[in-house]
PDB file of N, CA and C in Angstrom:
ATOM      1  N   UNK A   1      55.180  30.702 104.749  1.00  0.00           N
ATOM      2  CA  UNK A   1      55.763  30.695 106.062  1.00  0.00           C
ATOM      3  C   UNK A   1      54.631  30.684 107.085  1.00  0.00           C
ATOM      4  N   UNK A   2      54.792  29.899 108.107  1.00  0.00           N
ATOM      5  CA  UNK A   2      53.850  29.875 109.211  1.00  0.00           C
ATOM      6  C   UNK A   2      54.486  30.586 110.395  1.00  0.00           C
ATOM      7  N   UNK A   3      53.712  31.371 111.106  1.00  0.00           N
ATOM      8  CA  UNK A   3      54.197  32.081 112.279  1.00  0.00           C
ATOM      9  C   UNK A   3      53.329  31.671 113.462  1.00  0.00           C
ATOM     10  N   UNK A   4      53.964  31.103 114.479  1.00  0.00           N
ATOM     11  CA  UNK A   4      53.236  30.726 115.687  1.00  0.00           C
ATOM     12  C   UNK A   4      52.894  31.978 116.484  1.00  0.00           C
ATOM     13  N   UNK A   5      51.771  31.920 117.216  1.00  0.00           N
ATOM     14  CA  UNK A   5      51.372  32.993 118.120  1.00  0.00           C
ATOM     15  C   UNK A   5      51.347  32.408 119.523  1.00  0.00           C
ATOM     16  N   UNK A   6      52.003  33.098 120.454  1.00  0.00           N
ATOM     17  CA  UNK A   6      52.102  32.648 121.830  1.00  0.00           C
ATOM     18  C   UNK A   6      51.318  33.605 122.715  1.00  0.00           C
ATOM     19  N   UNK A   7      50.507  33.046 123.603  1.00  0.00           N
ATOM     20  CA  UNK A   7      49.713  33.854 124.520  1.00  0.00           C
ATOM     21  C   UNK A   7      49.685  33.155 125.869  1.00  0.00           C
ATOM     22  N   UNK A   8      49.413  33.902 126.939  1.00  0.00           N
ATOM     23  CA  UNK A   8      49.435  33.350 128.292  1.00  0.00           C
ATOM     24  C   UNK A   8      48.216  33.801 129.083  1.00  0.00           C
ATOM     25  N   UNK A   9      47.927  33.103 130.164  1.00  0.00           N
ATOM     26  CA  UNK A   9      46.915  33.516 131.133  1.00  0.00           C
ATOM     27  C   UNK A   9      45.504  33.518 130.585  1.00  0.00           C
ATOM     28  N   UNK A  10      44.712  34.493 131.063  1.00  0.00           N
ATOM     29  CA  UNK A  10      43.302  34.595 130.688  1.00  0.00           C
ATOM     30  C   UNK A  10      43.128  34.798 129.189  1.00  0.00           C
ATOM     31  N   UNK A  11      44.040  35.544 128.583  1.00  0.00           N
ATOM     32  CA  UNK A  11      43.957  35.756 127.131  1.00  0.00           C
ATOM     33  C   UNK A  11      44.093  34.421 126.401  1.00  0.00           C
ATOM     34  N   UNK A  12      45.019  33.587 126.818  1.00  0.00           N
ATOM     35  CA  UNK A  12      45.213  32.277 126.190  1.00  0.00           C
ATOM     36  C   UNK A  12      43.981  31.400 126.365  1.00  0.00           C
ATOM     37  N   UNK A  13      43.346  31.462 127.529  1.00  0.00           N
ATOM     38  CA  UNK A  13      42.137  30.677 127.776  1.00  0.00           C
ATOM     39  C   UNK A  13      40.996  31.116 126.858  1.00  0.00           C
ATOM     40  N   UNK A  14      40.825  32.430 126.678  1.00  0.00           N
ATOM     41  CA  UNK A  14      39.774  32.941 125.794  1.00  0.00           C
ATOM     42  C   UNK A  14      40.040  32.539 124.348  1.00  0.00           C
ATOM     43  N   UNK A  15      41.291  32.595 123.933  1.00  0.00           N
ATOM     44  CA  UNK A  15      41.639  32.205 122.573  1.00  0.00           C
ATOM     45  C   UNK A  15      41.357  30.721 122.366  1.00  0.00           C
ATOM     46  N   UNK A  16      41.763  29.897 123.313  1.00  0.00           N
ATOM     47  CA  UNK A  16      41.540  28.451 123.201  1.00  0.00           C
ATOM     48  C   UNK A  16      40.056  28.121 123.117  1.00  0.00           C
ATOM     49  N   UNK A  17      39.230  28.896 123.785  1.00  0.00           N
ATOM     50  CA  UNK A  17      37.786  28.650 123.782  1.00  0.00           C
ATOM     51  C   UNK A  17      37.121  29.061 122.474  1.00  0.00           C
ATOM     52  N   UNK A  18      37.622  30.114 121.831  1.00  0.00           N
ATOM     53  CA  UNK A  18      36.913  30.685 120.684  1.00  0.00           C
ATOM     54  C   UNK A  18      37.571  30.491 119.320  1.00  0.00           C
ATOM     55  N   UNK A  19      38.846  30.168 119.271  1.00  0.00           N
ATOM     56  CA  UNK A  19      39.521  30.070 117.976  1.00  0.00           C
ATOM     57  C   UNK A  19      39.312  28.674 117.385  1.00  0.00           C
ATOM     58  N   UNK A  20      39.196  28.626 116.080  1.00  0.00           N
ATOM     59  CA  UNK A  20      39.040  27.364 115.347  1.00  0.00           C
ATOM     60  C   UNK A  20      39.649  27.558 113.967  1.00  0.00           C
ATOM     61  N   UNK A  21      39.902  26.480 113.288  1.00  0.00           N
ATOM     62  CA  UNK A  21      40.456  26.545 111.943  1.00  0.00           C
ATOM     63  C   UNK A  21      39.547  27.406 111.067  1.00  0.00           C
ATOM     64  N   UNK A  22      40.133  28.331 110.359  1.00  0.00           N
ATOM     65  CA  UNK A  22      39.377  29.218 109.485  1.00  0.00           C
ATOM     66  C   UNK A  22      38.946  30.510 110.140  1.00  0.00           C
ATOM     67  N   UNK A  23      39.114  30.623 111.452  1.00  0.00           N
ATOM     68  CA  UNK A  23      38.716  31.836 112.171  1.00  0.00           C
ATOM     69  C   UNK A  23      39.737  32.929 111.909  1.00  0.00           C
ATOM     70  N   UNK A  24      39.293  34.086 111.464  1.00  0.00           N
ATOM     71  CA  UNK A  24      40.202  35.201 111.215  1.00  0.00           C
ATOM     72  C   UNK A  24      40.443  35.959 112.513  1.00  0.00           C
ATOM     73  N   UNK A  25      41.716  36.246 112.775  1.00  0.00           N
ATOM     74  CA  UNK A  25      42.092  37.002 113.961  1.00  0.00           C
ATOM     75  C   UNK A  25      43.109  38.064 113.578  1.00  0.00           C
ATOM     76  N   UNK A  26      43.158  39.123 114.374  1.00  0.00           N
ATOM     77  CA  UNK A  26      44.199  40.148 114.240  1.00  0.00           C
ATOM     78  C   UNK A  26      45.042  40.071 115.507  1.00  0.00           C
ATOM     79  N   UNK A  27      46.352  39.992 115.330  1.00  0.00           N
ATOM     80  CA  UNK A  27      47.261  39.824 116.463  1.00  0.00           C
ATOM     81  C   UNK A  27      48.207  41.015 116.540  1.00  0.00           C
ATOM     82  N   UNK A  28      48.343  41.581 117.735  1.00  0.00           N
ATOM     83  CA  UNK A  28      49.312  42.630 118.003  1.00  0.00           C
ATOM     84  C   UNK A  28      50.268  42.109 119.065  1.00  0.00           C
ATOM     85  N   UNK A  29      51.564  42.253 118.829  1.00  0.00           N
ATOM     86  CA  UNK A  29      52.533  41.769 119.805  1.00  0.00           C
ATOM     87  C   UNK A  29      53.943  42.000 119.324  1.00  0.00           C
ATOM     88  N   UNK A  30      54.865  41.288 119.937  1.00  0.00           N
ATOM     89  CA  UNK A  30      56.274  41.433 119.556  1.00  0.00           C
ATOM     90  C   UNK A  30      56.743  40.169 118.854  1.00  0.00           C
ATOM     91  N   UNK A  31      57.639  40.352 117.901  1.00  0.00           N
ATOM     92  CA  UNK A  31      58.178  39.244 117.138  1.00  0.00           C
ATOM     93  C   UNK A  31      59.362  38.647 117.886  1.00  0.00           C
ATOM     94  N   UNK A  32      59.382  37.327 117.975  1.00  0.00           N
ATOM     95  CA  UNK A  32      60.470  36.615 118.633  1.00  0.00           C
ATOM     96  C   UNK A  32      61.056  35.610 117.641  1.00  0.00           C
ATOM     97  N   UNK A  33      62.386  35.447 117.670  1.00  0.00           N
ATOM     98  CA  UNK A  33      63.069  34.517 116.776  1.00  0.00           C
ATOM     99  C   UNK A  33      63.891  33.561 117.623  1.00  0.00           C
ATOM    100  N   UNK A  34      63.776  32.266 117.343  1.00  0.00           N
ATOM    101  CA  UNK A  34      64.509  31.262 118.094  1.00  0.00           C
ATOM    102  C   UNK A  34      65.295  30.370 117.147  1.00  0.00           C
ATOM    103  N   UNK A  35      66.478  29.959 117.586  1.00  0.00           N
ATOM    104  CA  UNK A  35      67.307  29.009 116.840  1.00  0.00           C
ATOM    105  C   UNK A  35      67.712  27.902 117.805  1.00  0.00           C
ATOM    106  N   UNK A  36      67.799  26.671 117.293  1.00  0.00           N
ATOM    107  CA  UNK A  36      68.259  25.562 118.102  1.00  0.00           C
ATOM    108  C   UNK A  36      68.791  24.465 117.204  1.00  0.00           C
ATOM    109  N   UNK A  37      69.460  23.522 117.832  1.00  0.00           N
ATOM    110  CA  UNK A  37      69.989  22.371 117.114  1.00  0.00           C
ATOM    111  C   UNK A  37      69.151  21.158 117.506  1.00  0.00           C
ATOM    112  N   UNK A  38      68.597  20.475 116.504  1.00  0.00           N
ATOM    113  CA  UNK A  38      67.761  19.297 116.738  1.00  0.00           C
ATOM    114  C   UNK A  38      68.625  18.107 117.162  1.00  0.00           C
ATOM    115  N   UNK A  39      67.987  17.063 117.643  1.00  0.00           N
ATOM    116  CA  UNK A  39      68.689  15.863 118.091  1.00  0.00           C
ATOM    117  C   UNK A  39      69.556  15.253 116.987  1.00  0.00           C
ATOM    118  N   UNK A  40      69.118  15.415 115.730  1.00  0.00           N
ATOM    119  CA  UNK A  40      69.885  14.849 114.607  1.00  0.00           C
ATOM    120  C   UNK A  40      71.029  15.763 114.154  1.00  0.00           C
ATOM    121  N   UNK A  41      71.241  16.884 114.861  1.00  0.00           N
ATOM    122  CA  UNK A  41      72.333  17.794 114.539  1.00  0.00           C
ATOM    123  C   UNK A  41      71.974  18.898 113.566  1.00  0.00           C
ATOM    124  N   UNK A  42      70.771  18.863 112.999  1.00  0.00           N
ATOM    125  CA  UNK A  42      70.365  19.898 112.047  1.00  0.00           C
ATOM    126  C   UNK A  42      69.998  21.186 112.786  1.00  0.00           C
ATOM    127  N   UNK A  43      70.214  22.297 112.104  1.00  0.00           N
ATOM    128  CA  UNK A  43      69.877  23.611 112.659  1.00  0.00           C
ATOM    129  C   UNK A  43      68.409  23.901 112.390  1.00  0.00           C
ATOM    130  N   UNK A  44      67.708  24.373 113.382  1.00  0.00           N
ATOM    131  CA  UNK A  44      66.296  24.727 113.258  1.00  0.00           C
ATOM    132  C   UNK A  44      66.093  26.159 113.730  1.00  0.00           C
ATOM    133  N   UNK A  45      65.042  26.791 113.218  1.00  0.00           N
ATOM    134  CA  UNK A  45      64.704  28.141 113.652  1.00  0.00           C
ATOM    135  C   UNK A  45      63.221  28.378 113.423  1.00  0.00           C
ATOM    136  N   UNK A  46      62.674  29.352 114.134  1.00  0.00           N
ATOM    137  CA  UNK A  46      61.278  29.730 113.920  1.00  0.00           C
ATOM    138  C   UNK A  46      61.044  31.144 114.412  1.00  0.00           C
ATOM    139  N   UNK A  47      60.049  31.770 113.806  1.00  0.00           N
ATOM    140  CA  UNK A  47      59.541  33.067 114.254  1.00  0.00           C
ATOM    141  C   UNK A  47      58.242  32.804 115.005  1.00  0.00           C
ATOM    142  N   UNK A  48      57.974  33.623 116.014  1.00  0.00           N
ATOM    143  CA  UNK A  48      56.680  33.565 116.689  1.00  0.00           C
ATOM    144  C   UNK A  48      56.329  34.967 117.164  1.00  0.00           C
ATOM    145  N   UNK A  49      55.039  35.209 117.315  1.00  0.00           N
ATOM    146  CA  UNK A  49      54.555  36.476 117.846  1.00  0.00           C
ATOM    147  C   UNK A  49      54.096  36.233 119.269  1.00  0.00           C
ATOM    148  N   UNK A  50      54.643  36.982 120.211  1.00  0.00           N
ATOM    149  CA  UNK A  50      54.189  36.940 121.588  1.00  0.00           C
ATOM    150  C   UNK A  50      53.072  37.977 121.677  1.00  0.00           C
ATOM    151  N   UNK A  51      51.838  37.503 121.787  1.00  0.00           N
ATOM    152  CA  UNK A  51      50.657  38.356 121.631  1.00  0.00           C
ATOM    153  C   UNK A  51      50.424  39.273 122.825  1.00  0.00           C
ATOM    154  N   UNK A  52      50.172  40.542 122.527  1.00  0.00           N
ATOM    155  CA  UNK A  52      49.680  41.493 123.513  1.00  0.00           C
ATOM    156  C   UNK A  52      48.159  41.568 123.422  1.00  0.00           C
ATOM    157  N   UNK A  53      47.643  41.476 122.187  1.00  0.00           N
ATOM    158  CA  UNK A  53      46.203  41.585 121.957  1.00  0.00           C
ATOM    159  C   UNK A  53      45.826  40.706 120.781  1.00  0.00           C
ATOM    160  N   UNK A  54      44.698  40.006 120.924  1.00  0.00           N
ATOM    161  CA  UNK A  54      44.154  39.186 119.847  1.00  0.00           C
ATOM    162  C   UNK A  54      42.693  39.564 119.677  1.00  0.00           C
ATOM    163  N   UNK A  55      42.312  39.990 118.479  1.00  0.00           N
ATOM    164  CA  UNK A  55      40.930  40.356 118.168  1.00  0.00           C
ATOM    165  C   UNK A  55      40.356  39.331 117.208  1.00  0.00           C
ATOM    166  N   UNK A  56      39.163  38.841 117.504  1.00  0.00           N
ATOM    167  CA  UNK A  56      38.480  37.894 116.629  1.00  0.00           C
ATOM    168  C   UNK A  56      37.745  38.689 115.551  1.00  0.00           C
ATOM    169  N   UNK A  57      38.097  38.473 114.288  1.00  0.00           N
ATOM    170  CA  UNK A  57      37.538  39.256 113.198  1.00  0.00           C
ATOM    171  C   UNK A  57      36.284  38.645 112.603  1.00  0.00           C
ATOM    172  N   UNK A  58      36.301  37.365 112.317  1.00  0.00           N
ATOM    173  CA  UNK A  58      35.110  36.721 111.768  1.00  0.00           C
ATOM    174  C   UNK A  58      35.184  35.235 112.032  1.00  0.00           C
ATOM    175  N   UNK A  59      34.031  34.617 112.027  1.00  0.00           N
ATOM    176  CA  UNK A  59      33.951  33.172 112.209  1.00  0.00           C
ATOM    177  C   UNK A  59      33.883  32.511 110.848  1.00  0.00           C
ATOM    178  N   UNK A  60      34.389  31.280 110.737  1.00  0.00           N
ATOM    179  CA  UNK A  60      34.256  30.594 109.448  1.00  0.00           C
ATOM    180  C   UNK A  60      32.797  30.291 109.152  1.00  0.00           C
ATOM    181  N   UNK A  61      32.428  30.367 107.892  1.00  0.00           N
ATOM    182  CA  UNK A  61      31.057  30.041 107.485  1.00  0.00           C
ATOM    183  C   UNK A  61      30.855  28.542 107.580  1.00  0.00           C
ATOM    184  N   UNK A  62      29.658  28.125 107.924  1.00  0.00           N
ATOM    185  CA  UNK A  62      29.370  26.711 108.059  1.00  0.00           C
ATOM    186  C   UNK A  62      29.277  25.991 106.731  1.00  0.00           C
ATOM    187  N   UNK A  63      29.053  26.730 105.635  1.00  0.00           N
ATOM    188  CA  UNK A  63      28.846  26.083 104.339  1.00  0.00           C
ATOM    189  C   UNK A  63      30.020  26.249 103.383  1.00  0.00           C
ATOM    190  N   UNK A  64      31.153  26.764 103.867  1.00  0.00           N
ATOM    191  CA  UNK A  64      32.332  26.897 103.026  1.00  0.00           C
ATOM    192  C   UNK A  64      32.349  28.136 102.156  1.00  0.00           C
ATOM    193  N   UNK A  65      31.354  29.026 102.295  1.00  0.00           N
ATOM    194  CA  UNK A  65      31.350  30.247 101.491  1.00  0.00           C
ATOM    195  C   UNK A  65      32.009  31.373 102.279  1.00  0.00           C
ATOM    196  N   UNK A  66      31.460  32.552 102.225  1.00  0.00           N
ATOM    197  CA  UNK A  66      32.036  33.703 102.902  1.00  0.00           C
ATOM    198  C   UNK A  66      31.981  33.532 104.418  1.00  0.00           C
ATOM    199  N   UNK A  67      32.996  34.068 105.142  1.00  0.00           N
ATOM    200  CA  UNK A  67      32.968  33.974 106.600  1.00  0.00           C
ATOM    201  C   UNK A  67      31.829  34.788 107.182  1.00  0.00           C
ATOM    202  N   UNK A  68      31.338  34.335 108.328  1.00  0.00           N
ATOM    203  CA  UNK A  68      30.286  35.055 109.040  1.00  0.00           C
ATOM    204  C   UNK A  68      30.870  36.332 109.620  1.00  0.00           C
ATOM    205  N   UNK A  69      30.056  37.370 109.858  1.00  0.00           N
ATOM    206  CA  UNK A  69      30.573  38.618 110.390  1.00  0.00           C
ATOM    207  C   UNK A  69      31.131  38.456 111.796  1.00  0.00           C
ATOM    208  N   UNK A  70      32.015  39.353 112.161  1.00  0.00           N
ATOM    209  CA  UNK A  70      32.638  39.327 113.487  1.00  0.00           C
ATOM    210  C   UNK A  70      31.643  39.790 114.545  1.00  0.00           C
ATOM    211  N   UNK A  71      31.915  39.417 115.767  1.00  0.00           N
ATOM    212  CA  UNK A  71      31.145  39.925 116.886  1.00  0.00           C
ATOM    213  C   UNK A  71      32.085  40.150 118.053  1.00  0.00           C
ATOM    214  N   UNK A  72      31.674  40.998 118.975  1.00  0.00           N
ATOM    215  CA  UNK A  72      32.523  41.349 120.119  1.00  0.00           C
ATOM    216  C   UNK A  72      32.595  40.197 121.108  1.00  0.00           C
ATOM    217  N   UNK A  73      33.691  40.116 121.825  1.00  0.00           N
ATOM    218  CA  UNK A  73      33.848  39.071 122.827  1.00  0.00           C
ATOM    219  C   UNK A  73      32.744  39.175 123.868  1.00  0.00           C
ATOM    220  N   UNK A  74      32.159  38.065 124.232  1.00  0.00           N
ATOM    221  CA  UNK A  74      31.086  38.032 125.208  1.00  0.00           C
ATOM    222  C   UNK A  74      29.711  38.276 124.627  1.00  0.00           C
ATOM    223  N   UNK A  75      29.622  38.691 123.392  1.00  0.00           N
ATOM    224  CA  UNK A  75      28.351  38.960 122.738  1.00  0.00           C
ATOM    225  C   UNK A  75      27.886  37.689 122.017  1.00  0.00           C
ATOM    226  N   UNK A  76      26.625  37.378 122.136  1.00  0.00           N
ATOM    227  CA  UNK A  76      26.087  36.203 121.460  1.00  0.00           C
ATOM    228  C   UNK A  76      25.921  36.492 119.974  1.00  0.00           C
ATOM    229  N   UNK A  77      26.411  35.598 119.105  1.00  0.00           N
ATOM    230  CA  UNK A  77      26.221  35.825 117.669  1.00  0.00           C
ATOM    231  C   UNK A  77      24.759  35.682 117.298  1.00  0.00           C
ATOM    232  N   UNK A  78      24.257  36.614 116.529  1.00  0.00           N
ATOM    233  CA  UNK A  78      22.894  36.624 116.000  1.00  0.00           C
ATOM    234  C   UNK A  78      21.917  36.536 117.122  1.00  0.00           C
TER     235      UNK A  78
END
């Protein structure tokens, strides 16, 4: 199952700047569930987390091995 994460404002801008495929994050927020009917008449639904806080845990390794250690926001890695 995939769960979308929704964020707004400055938090969303910071996430867009720093998140990439393989980046580990911890998300705190509320769970939201939506249902709708698609144009073809089929029923659709999804879960998403409306984020209150997103913490960057580690960056993906450049060579496909273990992820690089985490660092605090605004801090230069290494």
